[in-house]
N, C-alpha and C. Protein backbone atom coordinates (compact mmCIF):
# COMPACT_ATOMS: atom_id res chain seq x y z
N MET A 1 54.97 191.47 -9.11
CA MET A 1 55.38 191.37 -7.71
C MET A 1 56.28 192.53 -7.34
N GLU A 2 57.17 192.91 -8.26
CA GLU A 2 58.09 194.01 -7.95
C GLU A 2 57.34 195.29 -7.65
N ASP A 3 56.31 195.59 -8.45
CA ASP A 3 55.53 196.81 -8.21
C ASP A 3 54.92 196.79 -6.81
N LEU A 4 54.43 195.64 -6.42
CA LEU A 4 53.80 195.52 -5.11
C LEU A 4 54.82 195.72 -4.00
N MET A 5 56.02 195.22 -4.20
CA MET A 5 57.05 195.32 -3.17
C MET A 5 57.54 196.76 -2.99
N LEU A 6 57.35 197.60 -3.99
CA LEU A 6 57.80 198.98 -3.91
C LEU A 6 56.79 199.90 -3.25
N VAL A 7 55.61 199.39 -2.95
CA VAL A 7 54.55 200.19 -2.33
C VAL A 7 54.56 199.94 -0.83
N ASP A 8 54.56 201.04 -0.06
CA ASP A 8 54.59 200.91 1.40
C ASP A 8 53.33 200.26 1.96
N SER A 9 52.19 200.66 1.46
CA SER A 9 50.91 200.14 1.95
C SER A 9 50.03 199.72 0.78
N PRO A 10 50.31 198.57 0.18
CA PRO A 10 49.50 198.16 -0.98
C PRO A 10 48.07 197.86 -0.56
N GLU A 11 47.14 198.13 -1.47
CA GLU A 11 45.74 197.84 -1.22
C GLU A 11 45.52 196.33 -1.23
N PHE A 12 44.54 195.89 -0.45
CA PHE A 12 44.21 194.47 -0.38
C PHE A 12 43.94 193.89 -1.77
N GLU A 13 43.23 194.67 -2.60
CA GLU A 13 42.89 194.20 -3.94
C GLU A 13 44.14 193.91 -4.76
N ARG A 14 45.15 194.78 -4.67
CA ARG A 14 46.38 194.58 -5.44
C ARG A 14 47.15 193.37 -4.93
N ILE A 15 47.12 193.16 -3.61
CA ILE A 15 47.79 191.98 -3.03
C ILE A 15 47.10 190.72 -3.53
N LEU A 16 45.77 190.74 -3.52
CA LEU A 16 44.99 189.59 -4.01
C LEU A 16 45.36 189.27 -5.45
N GLU A 17 45.45 190.30 -6.28
CA GLU A 17 45.81 190.10 -7.69
C GLU A 17 47.21 189.53 -7.82
N CYS A 18 48.14 190.06 -7.05
CA CYS A 18 49.52 189.62 -7.13
C CYS A 18 49.68 188.17 -6.66
N VAL A 19 49.11 187.87 -5.51
CA VAL A 19 49.28 186.54 -4.92
C VAL A 19 48.67 185.45 -5.80
N PHE A 20 47.50 185.72 -6.38
CA PHE A 20 46.82 184.70 -7.16
C PHE A 20 47.03 184.85 -8.67
N GLY A 21 47.74 185.89 -9.07
CA GLY A 21 47.98 186.09 -10.49
C GLY A 21 46.70 186.35 -11.26
N ILE A 22 45.80 187.11 -10.65
CA ILE A 22 44.53 187.43 -11.30
C ILE A 22 44.52 188.89 -11.71
N GLN A 23 43.55 189.23 -12.54
CA GLN A 23 43.45 190.58 -13.07
C GLN A 23 42.44 191.40 -12.27
N ALA A 24 42.48 192.71 -12.48
CA ALA A 24 41.61 193.62 -11.73
C ALA A 24 40.13 193.29 -11.93
N HIS A 25 39.72 192.92 -13.15
CA HIS A 25 38.30 192.61 -13.36
C HIS A 25 37.89 191.34 -12.60
N GLU A 26 38.83 190.43 -12.40
CA GLU A 26 38.52 189.23 -11.62
C GLU A 26 38.39 189.57 -10.14
N THR A 27 39.20 190.50 -9.69
CA THR A 27 39.09 190.97 -8.30
C THR A 27 37.75 191.66 -8.09
N ARG A 28 37.36 192.51 -9.05
CA ARG A 28 36.05 193.18 -8.95
C ARG A 28 34.92 192.15 -8.93
N THR A 29 35.06 191.09 -9.72
CA THR A 29 34.04 190.04 -9.75
C THR A 29 33.95 189.36 -8.39
N TYR A 30 35.10 189.06 -7.79
CA TYR A 30 35.11 188.43 -6.46
C TYR A 30 34.39 189.32 -5.43
N PHE A 31 34.73 190.60 -5.39
CA PHE A 31 34.13 191.48 -4.38
C PHE A 31 32.65 191.72 -4.63
N ARG A 32 32.24 191.79 -5.88
CA ARG A 32 30.81 191.94 -6.17
C ARG A 32 30.06 190.69 -5.77
N LEU A 33 30.66 189.53 -6.00
CA LEU A 33 30.02 188.28 -5.61
C LEU A 33 29.91 188.15 -4.10
N LEU A 34 30.84 188.73 -3.37
CA LEU A 34 30.71 188.73 -1.91
C LEU A 34 29.39 189.39 -1.49
N GLU A 35 28.98 190.41 -2.24
CA GLU A 35 27.74 191.12 -1.95
C GLU A 35 26.51 190.38 -2.49
N LEU A 36 26.71 189.58 -3.51
CA LEU A 36 25.60 188.92 -4.21
C LEU A 36 25.77 187.40 -4.20
N GLN A 37 26.00 186.85 -3.03
CA GLN A 37 26.23 185.41 -2.90
C GLN A 37 25.09 184.63 -3.54
N GLY A 38 25.45 183.57 -4.26
CA GLY A 38 24.45 182.71 -4.89
C GLY A 38 24.01 183.19 -6.26
N SER A 39 24.69 184.17 -6.81
CA SER A 39 24.32 184.70 -8.12
C SER A 39 24.65 183.72 -9.23
N THR A 40 23.91 183.85 -10.31
CA THR A 40 24.23 183.13 -11.54
C THR A 40 25.15 184.02 -12.38
N VAL A 41 25.69 183.46 -13.44
CA VAL A 41 26.53 184.25 -14.34
C VAL A 41 25.74 185.45 -14.87
N ALA A 42 24.50 185.20 -15.29
CA ALA A 42 23.67 186.27 -15.85
C ALA A 42 23.42 187.38 -14.83
N GLU A 43 23.10 187.00 -13.61
CA GLU A 43 22.84 188.00 -12.57
C GLU A 43 24.10 188.82 -12.26
N LEU A 44 25.21 188.14 -12.18
CA LEU A 44 26.46 188.82 -11.89
C LEU A 44 26.89 189.71 -13.05
N ALA A 45 26.68 189.24 -14.27
CA ALA A 45 27.01 190.04 -15.45
C ALA A 45 26.21 191.34 -15.45
N ASP A 46 24.93 191.24 -15.10
CA ASP A 46 24.10 192.45 -15.01
C ASP A 46 24.61 193.39 -13.93
N ALA A 47 24.95 192.85 -12.78
CA ALA A 47 25.42 193.67 -11.67
C ALA A 47 26.76 194.35 -11.99
N LEU A 48 27.60 193.66 -12.74
CA LEU A 48 28.92 194.20 -13.09
C LEU A 48 28.90 195.00 -14.39
N GLU A 49 27.76 194.94 -15.09
CA GLU A 49 27.63 195.57 -16.40
C GLU A 49 28.74 195.09 -17.34
N ARG A 50 28.88 193.76 -17.38
CA ARG A 50 29.89 193.12 -18.22
C ARG A 50 29.22 192.02 -19.03
N ASP A 51 29.87 191.60 -20.07
CA ASP A 51 29.39 190.52 -20.91
C ASP A 51 29.43 189.20 -20.12
N ARG A 52 28.43 188.36 -20.35
CA ARG A 52 28.36 187.07 -19.63
C ARG A 52 29.61 186.22 -19.85
N SER A 53 30.12 186.21 -21.08
CA SER A 53 31.29 185.37 -21.35
C SER A 53 32.50 185.84 -20.55
N ASN A 54 32.65 187.15 -20.39
CA ASN A 54 33.76 187.69 -19.59
C ASN A 54 33.60 187.33 -18.12
N VAL A 55 32.37 187.43 -17.63
CA VAL A 55 32.11 187.09 -16.22
C VAL A 55 32.31 185.60 -16.01
N ASN A 56 31.88 184.79 -16.96
CA ASN A 56 32.05 183.35 -16.85
C ASN A 56 33.53 182.98 -16.78
N ARG A 57 34.36 183.61 -17.61
CA ARG A 57 35.81 183.35 -17.57
C ARG A 57 36.40 183.80 -16.24
N ALA A 58 35.96 184.95 -15.76
CA ALA A 58 36.47 185.43 -14.47
C ALA A 58 36.09 184.46 -13.35
N LEU A 59 34.87 183.98 -13.37
CA LEU A 59 34.42 183.02 -12.36
C LEU A 59 35.20 181.71 -12.45
N SER A 60 35.49 181.26 -13.66
CA SER A 60 36.28 180.04 -13.84
C SER A 60 37.66 180.20 -13.21
N THR A 61 38.28 181.34 -13.46
CA THR A 61 39.59 181.61 -12.88
C THR A 61 39.50 181.66 -11.36
N LEU A 62 38.50 182.34 -10.84
CA LEU A 62 38.34 182.45 -9.38
C LEU A 62 38.05 181.09 -8.75
N CYS A 63 37.34 180.23 -9.46
CA CYS A 63 37.10 178.86 -8.96
C CYS A 63 38.41 178.09 -8.92
N GLU A 64 39.23 178.23 -9.96
CA GLU A 64 40.53 177.56 -9.99
C GLU A 64 41.41 178.00 -8.82
N LYS A 65 41.30 179.26 -8.44
CA LYS A 65 42.10 179.80 -7.35
C LYS A 65 41.47 179.54 -5.99
N GLU A 66 40.31 178.87 -5.99
CA GLU A 66 39.56 178.51 -4.79
C GLU A 66 39.01 179.72 -4.04
N LEU A 67 38.83 180.83 -4.76
CA LEU A 67 38.23 182.03 -4.17
C LEU A 67 36.72 182.04 -4.36
N VAL A 68 36.23 181.21 -5.25
CA VAL A 68 34.80 181.11 -5.55
C VAL A 68 34.43 179.64 -5.64
N GLU A 69 33.24 179.33 -5.16
CA GLU A 69 32.71 177.97 -5.25
C GLU A 69 31.46 177.99 -6.11
N ARG A 70 31.23 176.90 -6.82
CA ARG A 70 30.10 176.80 -7.73
C ARG A 70 29.20 175.66 -7.27
N GLU A 71 27.90 175.93 -7.25
CA GLU A 71 26.92 174.90 -6.89
C GLU A 71 25.86 174.82 -7.97
N ARG A 72 25.43 173.60 -8.26
CA ARG A 72 24.38 173.40 -9.26
C ARG A 72 23.03 173.38 -8.58
N ARG A 73 22.10 174.19 -9.10
CA ARG A 73 20.74 174.25 -8.56
C ARG A 73 19.78 173.75 -9.62
N LEU A 74 18.98 172.77 -9.26
CA LEU A 74 17.98 172.23 -10.18
C LEU A 74 16.82 173.20 -10.31
N LEU A 75 16.34 173.37 -11.52
CA LEU A 75 15.21 174.25 -11.79
C LEU A 75 13.92 173.45 -11.74
N GLU A 76 12.84 174.09 -11.31
CA GLU A 76 11.56 173.41 -11.18
C GLU A 76 11.07 172.82 -12.50
N GLY A 77 11.25 173.53 -13.58
CA GLY A 77 10.77 173.07 -14.88
C GLY A 77 11.72 172.12 -15.57
N GLY A 78 12.79 171.75 -14.89
CA GLY A 78 13.80 170.89 -15.48
C GLY A 78 15.05 171.69 -15.79
N GLY A 79 16.12 171.01 -15.88
CA GLY A 79 17.40 171.66 -16.14
C GLY A 79 18.04 172.15 -14.85
N TYR A 80 19.06 172.93 -15.00
CA TYR A 80 19.77 173.43 -13.84
C TYR A 80 20.48 174.73 -14.18
N VAL A 81 20.92 175.40 -13.14
CA VAL A 81 21.70 176.62 -13.28
C VAL A 81 22.80 176.58 -12.21
N TYR A 82 23.92 177.17 -12.52
CA TYR A 82 24.99 177.24 -11.53
C TYR A 82 24.89 178.54 -10.75
N GLN A 83 25.08 178.41 -9.45
CA GLN A 83 25.15 179.57 -8.56
C GLN A 83 26.57 179.65 -8.03
N TYR A 84 27.03 180.86 -7.83
CA TYR A 84 28.41 181.08 -7.39
C TYR A 84 28.44 181.76 -6.04
N PHE A 85 29.43 181.36 -5.24
CA PHE A 85 29.60 181.88 -3.89
C PHE A 85 31.07 182.25 -3.68
N ALA A 86 31.31 183.48 -3.31
CA ALA A 86 32.67 183.90 -2.99
C ALA A 86 33.01 183.39 -1.60
N VAL A 87 34.23 182.88 -1.43
CA VAL A 87 34.63 182.46 -0.09
C VAL A 87 34.74 183.72 0.76
N PRO A 88 34.44 183.63 2.04
CA PRO A 88 34.54 184.81 2.91
C PRO A 88 35.97 185.36 2.92
N VAL A 89 36.08 186.66 3.16
CA VAL A 89 37.39 187.31 3.16
C VAL A 89 38.39 186.63 4.09
N PRO A 90 37.99 186.24 5.32
CA PRO A 90 38.98 185.56 6.17
C PRO A 90 39.53 184.28 5.54
N GLU A 91 38.70 183.56 4.82
CA GLU A 91 39.17 182.34 4.14
C GLU A 91 40.10 182.72 2.98
N ALA A 92 39.77 183.78 2.26
CA ALA A 92 40.64 184.26 1.18
C ALA A 92 41.99 184.71 1.75
N GLN A 93 41.95 185.35 2.90
CA GLN A 93 43.20 185.78 3.54
C GLN A 93 44.06 184.57 3.90
N GLU A 94 43.44 183.52 4.39
CA GLU A 94 44.19 182.31 4.73
C GLU A 94 44.80 181.69 3.48
N LEU A 95 44.05 181.66 2.39
CA LEU A 95 44.59 181.15 1.14
C LEU A 95 45.77 181.99 0.67
N MET A 96 45.67 183.29 0.88
CA MET A 96 46.76 184.19 0.49
C MET A 96 47.99 183.91 1.34
N HIS A 97 47.80 183.74 2.64
CA HIS A 97 48.93 183.43 3.52
C HIS A 97 49.61 182.14 3.09
N GLN A 98 48.82 181.12 2.77
CA GLN A 98 49.37 179.85 2.34
C GLN A 98 50.17 180.01 1.06
N ALA A 99 49.63 180.76 0.10
CA ALA A 99 50.31 180.96 -1.18
C ALA A 99 51.62 181.72 -0.98
N VAL A 100 51.61 182.73 -0.13
CA VAL A 100 52.83 183.51 0.12
C VAL A 100 53.86 182.65 0.85
N ASP A 101 53.40 181.83 1.80
CA ASP A 101 54.32 180.95 2.52
C ASP A 101 54.98 179.96 1.57
N GLU A 102 54.20 179.39 0.65
CA GLU A 102 54.76 178.46 -0.33
C GLU A 102 55.77 179.16 -1.23
N TRP A 103 55.42 180.37 -1.68
CA TRP A 103 56.34 181.14 -2.52
C TRP A 103 57.62 181.45 -1.76
N SER A 104 57.47 181.85 -0.51
CA SER A 104 58.63 182.19 0.32
C SER A 104 59.55 180.99 0.48
N GLU A 105 58.99 179.81 0.73
CA GLU A 105 59.81 178.61 0.86
C GLU A 105 60.58 178.33 -0.43
N THR A 106 59.90 178.52 -1.56
CA THR A 106 60.56 178.32 -2.85
C THR A 106 61.71 179.30 -3.03
N VAL A 107 61.47 180.56 -2.71
CA VAL A 107 62.52 181.58 -2.85
C VAL A 107 63.68 181.29 -1.91
N HIS A 108 63.38 180.93 -0.68
CA HIS A 108 64.44 180.59 0.27
C HIS A 108 65.29 179.42 -0.24
N GLY A 109 64.62 178.43 -0.82
CA GLY A 109 65.33 177.29 -1.40
C GLY A 109 66.24 177.72 -2.54
N ARG A 110 65.76 178.60 -3.39
CA ARG A 110 66.58 179.09 -4.52
C ARG A 110 67.76 179.89 -3.98
N ILE A 111 67.54 180.69 -2.95
CA ILE A 111 68.63 181.47 -2.37
C ILE A 111 69.71 180.53 -1.83
N ASP A 112 69.27 179.48 -1.14
CA ASP A 112 70.21 178.54 -0.56
C ASP A 112 71.00 177.76 -1.62
N GLU A 113 70.48 177.68 -2.83
CA GLU A 113 71.17 176.97 -3.89
C GLU A 113 72.37 177.76 -4.42
N PHE A 114 72.35 179.07 -4.24
CA PHE A 114 73.46 179.90 -4.72
C PHE A 114 74.64 179.70 -3.80
N GLY A 115 75.81 179.74 -4.35
CA GLY A 115 76.99 179.59 -3.52
C GLY A 115 78.25 179.59 -4.37
N PRO A 116 79.38 179.51 -3.67
CA PRO A 116 80.66 179.54 -4.39
C PRO A 116 80.87 178.30 -5.24
């Protein structure tokens, strides 16, 4: 957070990472998924040129942060596959505002606790 506060005009990606406590590869996964809505782990791994297990972990983290949603699609021959959808940027921005507001309230509360 300190690094971000020292930058006059931080990039949206860095703010996203800071607010949600995610890493750069998770941010790249989110933005690539915005372009490839409905992708499976395998499809996204190919697009990102990353290992499926790494992409799967990134997607799990992004789902926990509510930046990505997962839907199960039944296959014609039986079984199923999960498809992933990145929430639209305006929705991500709203989530970021909420997270910053909650953090700000916490910090204000801690500040008010200090005293003589």
